[in-house]
């Protein structure tokens, strides 16, 4: 399974389908890896806009933020 993470500057709008084909993305082999990179982006002033999986799963900016605020990502962020 592969996950694609699309990112942009903090405050960027949601990605529209027509724009997505023209945007660069970073690929990951697991959702945890993609979320870890999303956390890194947040610390560096960027934001994860969309994570899509090969299985059709799709997580928008708000869902990504919620996932980062829960679980081991929230604990890891608190210690760094």
N, C-alpha and C. Protein backbone atom coordinates (compact mmCIF):
# COMPACT_ATOMS: atom_id res chain seq x y z
N UNK A 1 0.86 -1.17 0.00
CA UNK A 1 0.00 0.00 0.00
C UNK A 1 0.90 1.23 0.00
N UNK A 2 0.46 2.24 -0.68
CA UNK A 2 1.20 3.49 -0.73
C UNK A 2 0.26 4.65 -0.39
N UNK A 3 0.81 5.63 0.32
CA UNK A 3 0.07 6.84 0.68
C UNK A 3 0.80 8.03 0.08
N UNK A 4 0.04 8.96 -0.46
CA UNK A 4 0.59 10.19 -1.04
C UNK A 4 0.17 11.36 -0.17
N UNK A 5 1.14 12.17 0.22
CA UNK A 5 0.87 13.34 1.04
C UNK A 5 1.13 14.58 0.20
N UNK A 6 0.12 15.41 0.10
CA UNK A 6 0.20 16.70 -0.60
C UNK A 6 0.29 17.78 0.47
N UNK A 7 1.18 18.75 0.27
CA UNK A 7 1.37 19.78 1.29
C UNK A 7 1.39 21.17 0.66
N UNK A 8 1.36 22.16 1.53
CA UNK A 8 1.40 23.54 1.09
C UNK A 8 1.75 24.44 2.25
N UNK A 9 1.78 25.73 2.02
CA UNK A 9 2.09 26.66 3.10
C UNK A 9 0.95 26.69 4.13
N UNK A 10 1.30 27.03 5.35
CA UNK A 10 0.29 27.13 6.40
C UNK A 10 -0.81 28.09 5.95
N UNK A 11 -2.05 27.69 6.13
CA UNK A 11 -3.19 28.51 5.73
C UNK A 11 -3.66 28.25 4.30
N UNK A 12 -3.01 27.34 3.60
CA UNK A 12 -3.40 27.04 2.21
C UNK A 12 -4.80 26.42 2.19
N UNK A 13 -5.48 26.64 1.09
CA UNK A 13 -6.82 26.10 0.90
C UNK A 13 -6.76 24.61 0.62
N UNK A 14 -7.90 23.95 0.76
CA UNK A 14 -8.02 22.54 0.39
C UNK A 14 -7.64 22.36 -1.09
N UNK A 15 -7.15 21.20 -1.41
CA UNK A 15 -6.77 20.91 -2.78
C UNK A 15 -8.02 20.56 -3.59
N UNK A 16 -8.15 21.20 -4.73
CA UNK A 16 -9.24 20.86 -5.64
C UNK A 16 -8.76 19.74 -6.57
N UNK A 17 -9.67 18.89 -6.98
CA UNK A 17 -9.32 17.73 -7.81
C UNK A 17 -8.55 18.14 -9.06
N UNK A 18 -8.92 19.22 -9.67
CA UNK A 18 -8.26 19.66 -10.90
C UNK A 18 -6.81 20.09 -10.64
N UNK A 19 -6.52 20.59 -9.44
CA UNK A 19 -5.17 21.02 -9.09
C UNK A 19 -4.28 19.85 -8.68
N UNK A 20 -4.86 18.82 -8.12
CA UNK A 20 -4.10 17.71 -7.56
C UNK A 20 -3.18 17.06 -8.58
N UNK A 21 -3.62 16.92 -9.81
CA UNK A 21 -2.81 16.29 -10.84
C UNK A 21 -1.55 17.08 -11.17
N UNK A 22 -1.53 18.36 -10.82
CA UNK A 22 -0.39 19.22 -11.12
C UNK A 22 0.53 19.42 -9.91
N UNK A 23 0.12 18.91 -8.75
CA UNK A 23 0.87 19.13 -7.52
C UNK A 23 1.87 17.99 -7.27
N UNK A 24 2.96 18.36 -6.62
CA UNK A 24 3.92 17.36 -6.18
C UNK A 24 3.42 16.71 -4.90
N UNK A 25 3.84 15.48 -4.68
CA UNK A 25 3.48 14.79 -3.45
C UNK A 25 4.67 13.97 -2.99
N UNK A 26 4.64 13.55 -1.74
CA UNK A 26 5.64 12.66 -1.19
C UNK A 26 4.94 11.35 -0.88
N UNK A 27 5.55 10.25 -1.29
CA UNK A 27 4.94 8.92 -1.12
C UNK A 27 5.51 8.21 0.11
N UNK A 28 4.65 7.46 0.78
CA UNK A 28 5.02 6.71 1.98
C UNK A 28 4.41 5.31 1.88
N UNK A 29 5.03 4.36 2.56
CA UNK A 29 4.52 2.99 2.52
C UNK A 29 3.51 2.70 3.63
N UNK A 30 3.39 3.63 4.60
CA UNK A 30 2.40 3.42 5.65
C UNK A 30 1.76 4.76 6.03
N UNK A 31 0.59 4.68 6.60
CA UNK A 31 -0.09 5.89 7.06
C UNK A 31 0.68 6.52 8.21
N UNK A 32 1.27 5.71 9.08
CA UNK A 32 2.06 6.25 10.18
C UNK A 32 3.23 7.10 9.66
N UNK A 33 3.90 6.63 8.62
CA UNK A 33 5.00 7.41 8.04
C UNK A 33 4.49 8.74 7.48
N UNK A 34 3.37 8.69 6.79
CA UNK A 34 2.79 9.91 6.22
C UNK A 34 2.40 10.89 7.33
N UNK A 35 1.83 10.38 8.41
CA UNK A 35 1.44 11.25 9.52
C UNK A 35 2.67 11.81 10.24
N UNK A 36 3.72 11.01 10.33
CA UNK A 36 4.96 11.51 10.92
C UNK A 36 5.53 12.66 10.10
N UNK A 37 5.46 12.56 8.79
CA UNK A 37 5.94 13.64 7.94
C UNK A 37 5.01 14.86 8.05
N UNK A 38 3.71 14.61 8.19
CA UNK A 38 2.76 15.72 8.38
C UNK A 38 3.10 16.48 9.66
N UNK A 39 3.49 15.76 10.69
CA UNK A 39 3.88 16.40 11.94
C UNK A 39 5.15 17.23 11.73
N UNK A 40 6.10 16.70 10.98
CA UNK A 40 7.32 17.44 10.65
C UNK A 40 6.98 18.73 9.88
N UNK A 41 6.08 18.61 8.91
CA UNK A 41 5.67 19.79 8.14
C UNK A 41 5.12 20.87 9.06
N UNK A 42 4.29 20.46 10.00
CA UNK A 42 3.68 21.42 10.92
C UNK A 42 4.73 22.17 11.73
N UNK A 43 5.77 21.47 12.14
CA UNK A 43 6.84 22.11 12.92
C UNK A 43 7.67 23.07 12.07
N UNK A 44 7.65 22.89 10.75
CA UNK A 44 8.48 23.73 9.87
C UNK A 44 7.67 24.80 9.14
N UNK A 45 6.43 25.02 9.57
CA UNK A 45 5.63 26.10 8.99
C UNK A 45 4.85 25.73 7.75
N UNK A 46 4.80 24.46 7.43
CA UNK A 46 4.02 23.98 6.29
C UNK A 46 2.80 23.24 6.84
N UNK A 47 1.95 22.77 5.96
CA UNK A 47 0.79 22.00 6.40
C UNK A 47 0.49 20.88 5.42
N UNK A 48 0.08 19.75 5.95
CA UNK A 48 -0.36 18.63 5.13
C UNK A 48 -1.80 18.91 4.71
N UNK A 49 -2.05 18.94 3.42
CA UNK A 49 -3.37 19.26 2.91
C UNK A 49 -4.22 18.03 2.63
N UNK A 50 -3.55 16.94 2.23
CA UNK A 50 -4.29 15.75 1.82
C UNK A 50 -3.37 14.54 1.89
N UNK A 51 -3.90 13.44 2.42
CA UNK A 51 -3.23 12.14 2.36
C UNK A 51 -4.19 11.20 1.66
N UNK A 52 -3.71 10.55 0.60
CA UNK A 52 -4.52 9.59 -0.15
C UNK A 52 -3.82 8.24 -0.17
N UNK A 53 -4.60 7.20 0.02
CA UNK A 53 -4.07 5.84 -0.03
C UNK A 53 -4.47 5.15 -1.31
N UNK A 54 -3.69 4.15 -1.70
CA UNK A 54 -4.00 3.36 -2.89
C UNK A 54 -5.34 2.64 -2.78
N UNK A 55 -5.81 2.45 -1.56
CA UNK A 55 -7.08 1.75 -1.35
C UNK A 55 -8.28 2.67 -1.49
N UNK A 56 -8.03 3.94 -1.84
CA UNK A 56 -9.13 4.90 -1.99
C UNK A 56 -9.36 5.75 -0.76
N UNK A 57 -8.62 5.48 0.32
CA UNK A 57 -8.78 6.30 1.52
C UNK A 57 -8.27 7.72 1.25
N UNK A 58 -8.89 8.67 1.92
CA UNK A 58 -8.54 10.07 1.70
C UNK A 58 -8.76 10.84 3.01
N UNK A 59 -7.74 11.58 3.42
CA UNK A 59 -7.81 12.35 4.66
C UNK A 59 -7.47 13.80 4.35
N UNK A 60 -8.41 14.68 4.61
CA UNK A 60 -8.20 16.11 4.38
C UNK A 60 -7.45 16.77 5.52
N UNK A 61 -7.23 18.05 5.39
CA UNK A 61 -6.45 18.81 6.36
C UNK A 61 -7.00 18.67 7.77
N UNK A 62 -8.30 18.80 7.94
CA UNK A 62 -8.90 18.72 9.28
C UNK A 62 -8.76 17.32 9.87
N UNK A 63 -8.93 16.29 9.04
CA UNK A 63 -8.78 14.92 9.54
C UNK A 63 -7.34 14.63 9.93
N UNK A 64 -6.40 15.15 9.15
CA UNK A 64 -4.98 14.96 9.47
C UNK A 64 -4.67 15.63 10.80
N UNK A 65 -5.15 16.85 10.99
CA UNK A 65 -4.92 17.57 12.25
C UNK A 65 -5.49 16.79 13.42
N UNK A 66 -6.67 16.25 13.27
CA UNK A 66 -7.29 15.47 14.34
C UNK A 66 -6.47 14.22 14.66
N UNK A 67 -5.97 13.54 13.63
CA UNK A 67 -5.16 12.34 13.86
C UNK A 67 -3.85 12.69 14.58
N UNK A 68 -3.27 13.84 14.25
CA UNK A 68 -2.02 14.24 14.89
C UNK A 68 -2.23 14.64 16.35
N UNK A 69 -3.42 15.07 16.70
CA UNK A 69 -3.70 15.47 18.07
C UNK A 69 -4.06 14.29 18.96
N UNK A 70 -4.18 13.12 18.40
CA UNK A 70 -4.52 11.92 19.15
C UNK A 70 -3.42 10.88 18.97
N UNK A 71 -3.38 9.94 19.88
CA UNK A 71 -2.46 8.83 19.73
C UNK A 71 -1.00 9.20 19.95
N UNK A 72 -0.12 8.35 19.44
CA UNK A 72 1.31 8.52 19.71
C UNK A 72 1.91 9.74 19.03
N UNK A 73 1.27 10.29 18.02
CA UNK A 73 1.79 11.49 17.37
C UNK A 73 1.68 12.69 18.32
N UNK A 74 0.60 12.79 19.05
CA UNK A 74 0.43 13.88 20.01
C UNK A 74 1.46 13.76 21.12
N UNK A 75 1.68 12.57 21.61
CA UNK A 75 2.68 12.36 22.68
C UNK A 75 4.08 12.65 22.18
N UNK A 76 4.39 12.21 20.97
CA UNK A 76 5.72 12.45 20.40
C UNK A 76 5.96 13.94 20.17
N UNK A 77 4.95 14.65 19.73
CA UNK A 77 5.09 16.08 19.50
C UNK A 77 5.28 16.86 20.79
N UNK A 78 4.71 16.36 21.85
CA UNK A 78 4.81 17.07 23.12
C UNK A 78 6.22 16.98 23.71
N UNK A 79 7.01 15.98 23.32
CA UNK A 79 8.33 15.80 23.91
C UNK A 79 9.43 16.40 23.07
N UNK A 80 9.12 16.85 21.85
CA UNK A 80 10.19 17.38 21.00
C UNK A 80 10.21 18.88 21.01
